[in-house]
């Protein structure tokens, strides 16, 4: 990233690298205090704690990034297992079980119940933080 930014801006790679290290230190400072960090045009990094006490950093990308990356017409990355896009939980299970006969996959009850009776289970509503 430092090389790419240096090429784009004309700033030396070493200077860009120092700025990125300072950004890392600033993010650590705020995250240790439980604060989210928003980088304009990039997204928001939010510290959260799991039930077991481990701390994770969740990243919510900027909407412009989501629009750019989420468009399959302009996406240039490799897609591994493209043929599996759109498979149901039961179809994924069948693939796994065929490749791992000694370790069959067990679906969560919700997915199994939905697949069995065809009922649609409504998703929980999410609250937006912005």
N, C-alpha and C. Protein backbone atom coordinates (compact mmCIF):
# COMPACT_ATOMS: atom_id res chain seq x y z
N UNK A 1 0.83 -1.18 0.00
CA UNK A 1 0.00 0.00 0.00
C UNK A 1 0.88 1.25 0.00
N UNK A 2 1.96 1.21 0.77
CA UNK A 2 2.85 2.38 0.82
C UNK A 2 3.44 2.67 -0.56
N UNK A 3 3.81 1.62 -1.28
CA UNK A 3 4.36 1.81 -2.63
C UNK A 3 3.31 2.41 -3.55
N UNK A 4 2.10 1.89 -3.48
CA UNK A 4 1.01 2.41 -4.33
C UNK A 4 0.72 3.87 -4.02
N UNK A 5 0.63 4.20 -2.73
CA UNK A 5 0.36 5.58 -2.35
C UNK A 5 1.51 6.50 -2.76
N UNK A 6 2.73 6.01 -2.62
CA UNK A 6 3.89 6.82 -3.03
C UNK A 6 3.84 7.10 -4.52
N UNK A 7 3.52 6.09 -5.31
CA UNK A 7 3.43 6.27 -6.77
C UNK A 7 2.35 7.27 -7.15
N UNK A 8 1.21 7.20 -6.47
CA UNK A 8 0.09 8.08 -6.80
C UNK A 8 0.35 9.52 -6.39
N UNK A 9 0.92 9.69 -5.20
CA UNK A 9 1.05 11.04 -4.64
C UNK A 9 2.38 11.72 -4.92
N UNK A 10 3.39 10.95 -5.26
CA UNK A 10 4.72 11.52 -5.45
C UNK A 10 5.48 11.67 -4.15
N UNK A 11 4.89 11.26 -3.03
CA UNK A 11 5.56 11.28 -1.73
C UNK A 11 6.43 10.03 -1.65
N UNK A 12 7.58 10.15 -1.02
CA UNK A 12 8.48 9.00 -0.94
C UNK A 12 7.87 7.87 -0.12
N UNK A 13 8.21 6.64 -0.51
CA UNK A 13 7.66 5.45 0.15
C UNK A 13 7.96 5.45 1.65
N UNK A 14 9.15 5.88 2.04
CA UNK A 14 9.51 5.91 3.46
C UNK A 14 8.63 6.85 4.26
N UNK A 15 8.27 7.98 3.67
CA UNK A 15 7.40 8.93 4.36
C UNK A 15 5.98 8.37 4.50
N UNK A 16 5.50 7.74 3.43
CA UNK A 16 4.18 7.13 3.49
C UNK A 16 4.17 6.03 4.55
N UNK A 17 5.22 5.24 4.60
CA UNK A 17 5.32 4.16 5.58
C UNK A 17 5.28 4.72 7.00
N UNK A 18 5.99 5.81 7.24
CA UNK A 18 5.97 6.42 8.58
C UNK A 18 4.57 6.91 8.94
N UNK A 19 3.86 7.48 7.99
CA UNK A 19 2.49 7.94 8.24
C UNK A 19 1.59 6.74 8.57
N UNK A 20 1.75 5.65 7.86
CA UNK A 20 0.94 4.46 8.13
C UNK A 20 1.23 3.91 9.52
N UNK A 21 2.50 3.93 9.95
CA UNK A 21 2.83 3.48 11.31
C UNK A 21 2.22 4.41 12.37
N UNK A 22 2.21 5.71 12.09
CA UNK A 22 1.58 6.65 13.01
C UNK A 22 0.07 6.44 13.07
N UNK A 23 -0.51 6.12 11.92
CA UNK A 23 -1.94 5.80 11.88
C UNK A 23 -2.21 4.56 12.74
N UNK A 24 -1.36 3.56 12.63
CA UNK A 24 -1.51 2.36 13.45
C UNK A 24 -1.47 2.71 14.94
N UNK A 25 -0.52 3.53 15.34
CA UNK A 25 -0.40 3.92 16.75
C UNK A 25 -1.64 4.70 17.21
N UNK A 26 -2.15 5.56 16.36
CA UNK A 26 -3.34 6.33 16.72
C UNK A 26 -4.56 5.41 16.86
N UNK A 27 -4.68 4.45 15.96
CA UNK A 27 -5.80 3.52 16.04
C UNK A 27 -5.71 2.69 17.32
N UNK A 28 -4.52 2.24 17.67
CA UNK A 28 -4.35 1.49 18.92
C UNK A 28 -4.76 2.35 20.11
N UNK A 29 -4.36 3.60 20.11
CA UNK A 29 -4.69 4.52 21.19
C UNK A 29 -6.21 4.58 21.40
N UNK A 30 -6.96 4.79 20.33
CA UNK A 30 -8.41 4.92 20.45
C UNK A 30 -9.09 3.59 20.73
N UNK A 31 -8.63 2.53 20.08
CA UNK A 31 -9.25 1.22 20.30
C UNK A 31 -9.05 0.72 21.72
N UNK A 32 -7.90 1.01 22.31
CA UNK A 32 -7.68 0.60 23.71
C UNK A 32 -8.69 1.26 24.64
N UNK A 33 -9.21 2.38 24.25
CA UNK A 33 -10.19 3.10 25.06
C UNK A 33 -11.62 2.75 24.65
N UNK A 34 -11.76 1.80 23.72
CA UNK A 34 -13.09 1.36 23.29
C UNK A 34 -13.73 2.23 22.24
N UNK A 35 -12.97 3.15 21.66
CA UNK A 35 -13.53 4.07 20.67
C UNK A 35 -13.38 3.53 19.25
N UNK A 36 -14.36 3.81 18.43
CA UNK A 36 -14.27 3.48 17.01
C UNK A 36 -13.41 4.51 16.31
N UNK A 37 -12.84 4.12 15.18
CA UNK A 37 -12.03 5.04 14.38
C UNK A 37 -12.61 5.07 12.98
N UNK A 38 -12.96 6.27 12.52
CA UNK A 38 -13.47 6.43 11.17
C UNK A 38 -12.40 7.08 10.31
N UNK A 39 -12.07 6.43 9.21
CA UNK A 39 -11.14 6.99 8.24
C UNK A 39 -11.95 7.39 7.02
N UNK A 40 -12.06 8.69 6.78
CA UNK A 40 -12.90 9.20 5.70
C UNK A 40 -12.55 8.52 4.38
N UNK A 41 -13.56 8.01 3.69
CA UNK A 41 -13.36 7.38 2.40
C UNK A 41 -12.90 5.93 2.49
N UNK A 42 -12.56 5.46 3.70
CA UNK A 42 -12.11 4.08 3.88
C UNK A 42 -13.14 3.29 4.65
N UNK A 43 -13.51 3.77 5.83
CA UNK A 43 -14.51 3.08 6.62
C UNK A 43 -14.29 3.27 8.10
N UNK A 44 -15.00 2.49 8.90
CA UNK A 44 -14.95 2.59 10.35
C UNK A 44 -14.47 1.28 10.95
N UNK A 45 -13.55 1.39 11.89
CA UNK A 45 -13.01 0.25 12.63
C UNK A 45 -13.57 0.33 14.04
N UNK A 46 -14.26 -0.75 14.48
CA UNK A 46 -14.94 -0.72 15.77
C UNK A 46 -14.47 -1.87 16.66
N UNK A 47 -13.95 -1.54 17.84
CA UNK A 47 -13.58 -2.63 18.76
C UNK A 47 -14.83 -3.21 19.40
N UNK A 48 -14.88 -4.53 19.50
CA UNK A 48 -15.99 -5.22 20.16
C UNK A 48 -15.41 -6.32 21.03
N UNK A 49 -16.20 -6.77 21.99
CA UNK A 49 -15.76 -7.86 22.86
C UNK A 49 -16.72 -9.02 22.72
N UNK A 50 -16.16 -10.20 22.53
CA UNK A 50 -16.96 -11.41 22.46
C UNK A 50 -17.36 -11.85 23.85
N UNK A 51 -18.27 -12.80 23.92
CA UNK A 51 -18.75 -13.33 25.20
C UNK A 51 -17.62 -13.96 26.00
N UNK A 52 -16.59 -14.49 25.32
CA UNK A 52 -15.48 -15.11 26.04
C UNK A 52 -14.41 -14.10 26.46
N UNK A 53 -14.64 -12.81 26.17
CA UNK A 53 -13.71 -11.77 26.59
C UNK A 53 -12.67 -11.38 25.55
N UNK A 54 -12.62 -12.07 24.42
CA UNK A 54 -11.65 -11.69 23.39
C UNK A 54 -12.14 -10.44 22.68
N UNK A 55 -11.20 -9.60 22.33
CA UNK A 55 -11.53 -8.34 21.66
C UNK A 55 -11.24 -8.49 20.17
N UNK A 56 -12.18 -8.02 19.38
CA UNK A 56 -12.06 -8.07 17.92
C UNK A 56 -12.23 -6.66 17.39
N UNK A 57 -11.69 -6.43 16.21
CA UNK A 57 -11.90 -5.16 15.52
C UNK A 57 -12.73 -5.45 14.29
N UNK A 58 -13.93 -4.87 14.25
CA UNK A 58 -14.80 -5.04 13.09
C UNK A 58 -14.60 -3.85 12.16
N UNK A 59 -14.62 -4.12 10.88
CA UNK A 59 -14.43 -3.08 9.87
C UNK A 59 -15.71 -2.94 9.06
N UNK A 60 -16.21 -1.72 8.97
CA UNK A 60 -17.36 -1.41 8.14
C UNK A 60 -16.86 -0.48 7.04
N UNK A 61 -16.73 -1.00 5.81
CA UNK A 61 -16.18 -0.19 4.73
C UNK A 61 -17.06 1.00 4.37
N UNK A 62 -16.43 2.02 3.84
CA UNK A 62 -17.14 3.18 3.31
C UNK A 62 -18.06 2.72 2.18
N UNK A 63 -19.19 3.36 2.05
CA UNK A 63 -20.18 2.95 1.04
C UNK A 63 -19.61 3.00 -0.37
N UNK A 64 -18.74 3.95 -0.66
CA UNK A 64 -18.15 4.04 -2.00
C UNK A 64 -17.31 2.81 -2.30
N UNK A 65 -16.61 2.29 -1.30
CA UNK A 65 -15.82 1.07 -1.49
C UNK A 65 -16.75 -0.11 -1.73
N UNK A 66 -17.81 -0.20 -0.94
CA UNK A 66 -18.76 -1.29 -1.13
C UNK A 66 -19.38 -1.26 -2.53
N UNK A 67 -19.74 -0.07 -2.99
CA UNK A 67 -20.32 0.05 -4.33
C UNK A 67 -19.32 -0.37 -5.40
N UNK A 68 -18.08 0.03 -5.25
CA UNK A 68 -17.06 -0.28 -6.25
C UNK A 68 -16.71 -1.77 -6.26
N UNK A 69 -16.50 -2.34 -5.10
CA UNK A 69 -16.10 -3.74 -5.01
C UNK A 69 -17.28 -4.67 -5.20
N UNK A 70 -18.46 -4.24 -4.79
CA UNK A 70 -19.63 -5.09 -4.86
C UNK A 70 -20.24 -5.21 -6.25
N UNK A 71 -19.69 -4.51 -7.23
CA UNK A 71 -20.21 -4.57 -8.59
C UNK A 71 -19.49 -5.68 -9.34
N UNK A 72 -20.17 -6.79 -9.64
CA UNK A 72 -19.50 -7.91 -10.29
C UNK A 72 -18.97 -7.59 -11.68
N UNK A 73 -19.46 -6.53 -12.30
CA UNK A 73 -18.99 -6.16 -13.63
C UNK A 73 -17.55 -5.62 -13.57
N UNK A 74 -17.22 -4.88 -12.51
CA UNK A 74 -15.89 -4.29 -12.42
C UNK A 74 -14.94 -5.06 -11.50
N UNK A 75 -15.44 -6.06 -10.78
CA UNK A 75 -14.60 -6.85 -9.88
C UNK A 75 -13.58 -7.63 -10.69
N UNK A 76 -12.29 -7.52 -10.33
CA UNK A 76 -11.23 -8.16 -11.09
C UNK A 76 -10.54 -9.29 -10.33
N UNK A 77 -10.94 -9.52 -9.07
CA UNK A 77 -10.30 -10.55 -8.27
C UNK A 77 -10.72 -11.95 -8.69
N UNK A 78 -9.89 -12.91 -8.31
CA UNK A 78 -10.22 -14.31 -8.59
C UNK A 78 -11.35 -14.75 -7.67
N UNK A 79 -12.25 -15.54 -8.19
CA UNK A 79 -13.35 -16.08 -7.40
C UNK A 79 -13.14 -17.58 -7.30
N UNK A 80 -12.81 -18.03 -6.10
CA UNK A 80 -12.58 -19.44 -5.88
C UNK A 80 -13.93 -20.14 -5.71
N UNK A 81 -14.11 -21.27 -6.34
CA UNK A 81 -15.34 -22.05 -6.25
C UNK A 81 -16.56 -21.27 -6.75
N UNK A 82 -16.38 -20.58 -7.84
CA UNK A 82 -17.46 -19.77 -8.42
C UNK A 82 -18.74 -20.59 -8.62
N UNK A 83 -18.58 -21.86 -8.93
CA UNK A 83 -19.74 -22.72 -9.19
C UNK A 83 -20.60 -22.92 -7.95
N UNK A 84 -20.08 -22.58 -6.76
CA UNK A 84 -20.84 -22.76 -5.52
C UNK A 84 -21.68 -21.55 -5.13
N UNK A 85 -21.59 -20.49 -5.91
CA UNK A 85 -22.38 -19.29 -5.59
C UNK A 85 -23.86 -19.62 -5.67
N UNK A 86 -24.59 -19.29 -4.63
CA UNK A 86 -26.04 -19.49 -4.60
C UNK A 86 -26.50 -20.84 -4.07
N UNK A 87 -25.55 -21.68 -3.62
CA UNK A 87 -25.96 -22.98 -3.08
C UNK A 87 -26.69 -22.81 -1.75
N UNK A 88 -27.61 -23.69 -1.49
CA UNK A 88 -28.34 -23.69 -0.22
C UNK A 88 -27.47 -24.36 0.84
N UNK A 89 -27.81 -24.20 2.12
CA UNK A 89 -27.05 -24.89 3.17
C UNK A 89 -27.00 -26.40 2.96
N UNK A 90 -28.09 -26.99 2.49
CA UNK A 90 -28.11 -28.43 2.24
C UNK A 90 -27.15 -28.81 1.11
N UNK A 91 -27.06 -27.96 0.09
CA UNK A 91 -26.15 -28.25 -1.03
C UNK A 91 -24.70 -28.12 -0.59
N UNK A 92 -24.39 -27.12 0.26
CA UNK A 92 -23.03 -27.01 0.82
C UNK A 92 -22.72 -28.24 1.67
N UNK A 93 -23.68 -28.67 2.45
CA UNK A 93 -23.50 -29.85 3.29
C UNK A 93 -23.17 -31.07 2.44
N UNK A 94 -23.89 -31.25 1.34
CA UNK A 94 -23.66 -32.39 0.46
C UNK A 94 -22.24 -32.35 -0.12
N UNK A 95 -21.78 -31.17 -0.51
CA UNK A 95 -20.41 -31.04 -1.03
C UNK A 95 -19.39 -31.43 0.04
N UNK A 96 -19.57 -30.88 1.24
CA UNK A 96 -18.65 -31.16 2.35
C UNK A 96 -18.64 -32.66 2.66
N UNK A 97 -19.83 -33.23 2.82
CA UNK A 97 -19.94 -34.65 3.19
C UNK A 97 -19.30 -35.55 2.14
N UNK A 98 -19.40 -35.18 0.86
CA UNK A 98 -18.80 -35.98 -0.20
C UNK A 98 -17.27 -35.94 -0.11
N UNK A 99 -16.72 -34.77 0.24
CA UNK A 99 -15.26 -34.63 0.33
C UNK A 99 -14.71 -35.10 1.67
N UNK A 100 -15.53 -35.14 2.72
CA UNK A 100 -15.09 -35.51 4.06
C UNK A 100 -16.04 -36.55 4.67
N UNK A 101 -16.05 -37.75 4.13
CA UNK A 101 -17.01 -38.75 4.61
C UNK A 101 -16.81 -39.12 6.09
N UNK A 102 -15.60 -38.96 6.61
CA UNK A 102 -15.33 -39.29 8.01
C UNK A 102 -15.68 -38.15 8.96
N UNK A 103 -16.05 -36.99 8.41
CA UNK A 103 -16.35 -35.81 9.23
C UNK A 103 -17.57 -35.09 8.66
N UNK A 104 -18.75 -35.72 8.70
CA UNK A 104 -19.93 -35.09 8.11
C UNK A 104 -20.30 -33.80 8.83
N UNK A 105 -20.80 -32.88 8.05
CA UNK A 105 -21.19 -31.57 8.57
C UNK A 105 -22.57 -31.64 9.18
N UNK A 106 -22.74 -30.97 10.31
CA UNK A 106 -24.07 -30.87 10.92
C UNK A 106 -24.54 -29.44 10.80
N UNK A 107 -25.69 -29.26 10.17
CA UNK A 107 -26.25 -27.93 9.99
C UNK A 107 -26.88 -27.43 11.28
N UNK A 108 -26.80 -26.13 11.54
CA UNK A 108 -27.52 -25.58 12.69
C UNK A 108 -29.01 -25.84 12.54
N UNK A 109 -29.71 -25.90 13.64
CA UNK A 109 -31.15 -26.21 13.62
C UNK A 109 -31.93 -25.26 12.73
N UNK A 110 -31.61 -23.97 12.79
CA UNK A 110 -32.35 -22.98 12.01
C UNK A 110 -32.24 -23.27 10.53
N UNK A 111 -31.03 -23.52 10.05
CA UNK A 111 -30.83 -23.79 8.63
C UNK A 111 -31.50 -25.10 8.24
N UNK A 112 -31.40 -26.12 9.10
CA UNK A 112 -32.01 -27.41 8.80
C UNK A 112 -33.53 -27.29 8.76
N UNK A 113 -34.11 -26.57 9.70
CA UNK A 113 -35.56 -26.41 9.74
C UNK A 113 -36.05 -25.64 8.52
N UNK A 114 -35.32 -24.62 8.14
CA UNK A 114 -35.71 -23.82 6.97
C UNK A 114 -35.64 -24.66 5.71
N UNK A 115 -34.57 -25.47 5.59
CA UNK A 115 -34.41 -26.27 4.38
C UNK A 115 -35.45 -27.38 4.31
N UNK A 116 -35.84 -27.95 5.44
CA UNK A 116 -36.78 -29.07 5.45
C UNK A 116 -38.19 -28.66 5.05
N UNK A 117 -38.72 -27.62 5.68
CA UNK A 117 -40.12 -27.29 5.43
C UNK A 117 -40.30 -26.14 4.44
N UNK A 118 -39.20 -25.56 3.98
CA UNK A 118 -39.28 -24.50 2.98
C UNK A 118 -39.74 -23.18 3.55
N UNK A 119 -39.95 -23.10 4.87
CA UNK A 119 -40.41 -21.85 5.48
C UNK A 119 -39.29 -20.83 5.45
N UNK A 120 -39.65 -19.60 5.29
CA UNK A 120 -38.68 -18.52 5.32
C UNK A 120 -38.67 -17.94 6.72
N UNK A 121 -37.51 -17.94 7.33
CA UNK A 121 -37.38 -17.39 8.68
C UNK A 121 -36.91 -15.95 8.53
N UNK A 122 -37.65 -14.98 9.07
CA UNK A 122 -37.25 -13.57 8.92
C UNK A 122 -35.95 -13.29 9.65
N UNK A 123 -35.14 -12.45 9.01
CA UNK A 123 -33.88 -12.05 9.64
C UNK A 123 -34.17 -11.00 10.70
N UNK A 124 -33.33 -11.00 11.73
CA UNK A 124 -33.47 -9.99 12.78
C UNK A 124 -33.15 -8.62 12.19
N UNK A 125 -33.88 -7.64 12.63
CA UNK A 125 -33.60 -6.29 12.15
C UNK A 125 -32.30 -5.79 12.78
N UNK A 126 -31.49 -5.14 11.96
CA UNK A 126 -30.22 -4.61 12.44
C UNK A 126 -30.36 -3.11 12.62
N UNK A 127 -29.72 -2.62 13.64
CA UNK A 127 -29.73 -1.19 13.89
C UNK A 127 -28.52 -0.57 13.21
N UNK A 128 -28.75 0.49 12.53
CA UNK A 128 -27.63 1.20 11.92
C UNK A 128 -26.99 2.11 12.95
N UNK A 129 -25.68 2.18 12.89
CA UNK A 129 -24.96 2.99 13.86
C UNK A 129 -24.65 4.38 13.34
N UNK A 130 -24.92 4.64 12.08
CA UNK A 130 -24.61 5.96 11.57
C UNK A 130 -25.83 6.77 11.35
